[in-house]
Amino acid sequence: MIQYISSPFKWFFKLEASSGIILLISAIVALLVSNSSYSDIYFNTLNKYLFIGINDFGLKLSLLHWINDALMAIFFFFVTLEIKREFLQGELSNIKQALLPIIGAVGGMVVPALIYVYINLGDAETLNGWAIPSATDIAFSLGVLSLLGKRVPLSLKVFLTALAIIDDLGAIVIIAFFYSGDLSIKYLSLMLIAFIILLLINKFNIKKFLPYLIVGIFLWDFTHNSGIHATIAGVLLAMTIPHRKKEKDFSLLIKIEHAISPYVAFLIMPLFAFANAGVSLEGLSISSLLDKVPLGIVLGLFVGKQLGVFVFSYISIKLKVAQMPSNTSWYNFYGVGVLTGIGFTMSLFVGNLAFAENMQYMDGVKIGVLTGSLLSTLFGYFLILLTPNK
């Protein structure tokens, strides 16, 4: 029974750690291509429109929007499956174990947002990016931890995983409530009907994924037209996938999670990174980082995340509200807090939503996210690496 419960986490960590390397390669390739003689081909291809459908029934979006709206809906579906499993029977199912990463995640979202708001106060356009530095990239951060091997105790890896998952949950809530457009009552009603149908399928304990998938496709289309970001459809669909602890031999949730994980980790996320990390570095200087958008993101990720996670966690541990991870020093714990400043995937995604109507800020978003994440990676890695062995 213990092996059954712990195996998804072991599998998950190995998967996320290795996918972090692929993500890094994808981002580097995007930067190289976007600053080469192929840059026009790169940007023009992403902006080309692609129709998917039959006759008049279908949807025409740019390739970049297909990646960010459709493929990322699958990513959000996968993330929500992870969140649901963790709350039902994983590290977040025990409130005592869950309190520390929950409190740390809250600090890691609030403080970076406040720093960004302080720097951008008075500018309504740039202020809309307040949530960009609030997210942690789970693949990158766990990938860095994996390079440190036994220097990082398992309890800290569990803490970072749980914190990043809660971080993702926070990002989902932010996207749903703060980055939605003009709402359509007609399509919101259709969304509700589709969601109710999914709940009924769950209620009747149907263990085949096909019915969920068919309704889920319609749900995505309704969501896309409703004014709510299309990726939220993936969240709603995942919430209805059954996972009953009493059914020890079968869980549709875990089955689907294992089935799509390689595609999410090694195809969707790298493709997203390649499509969104490309930015022209021509004319880039130190002064460029002092612009309000990139400066707010860099300081939010590199300073705000580590302060928020560490200070909130430290206070909760000292007040005995939460417990310190076992076999962990404050030095190591702080190092992991620094690594939460690796924003990348979710930060770039939120940036695209925040400045959908003001794309002139997107280069600043990319520069800020890449710089803040790089600083967090290097500082966090060497901080833990230089920790004296006990």
Foldseek 3Di string as FASTA:
>chain_A
DVCLLCVVVVVVLVLLLVLLVLQVVLLVVLAVCCADPNVVVLVVQQQDWDWDDDDPPTDIGGNLCCLLFPLVLLVLLLLLLVVVSCCVRNQNVDVQSLVLLLLLLVLLQPQLLVLLCVLCPPPPQLNLLSRLQSAFRLSNLSNLVVVLPPLDDPLLNSSLNSNNSVRSVVLLVCLQPRLFADFDPVLVVVLVVLLVVLLVCLVVVDLDCVVLVVSLVVNLVSCVPGRRRSSVSSNSSSVSQDDDVVCSPDGSSVVVSVVCSCCVSNPSSSVNSSSQLRAHCVPPDPVLCVPSNLVSNLCSLQPSQLCRSLVSSVVCCVVVVHHDRPPDDSQLSSLSSLQSSLGPPSSSSSVCSSCVVPCVCSNSSSNSNVNNNVNSSVVSSVSSSPPDDD
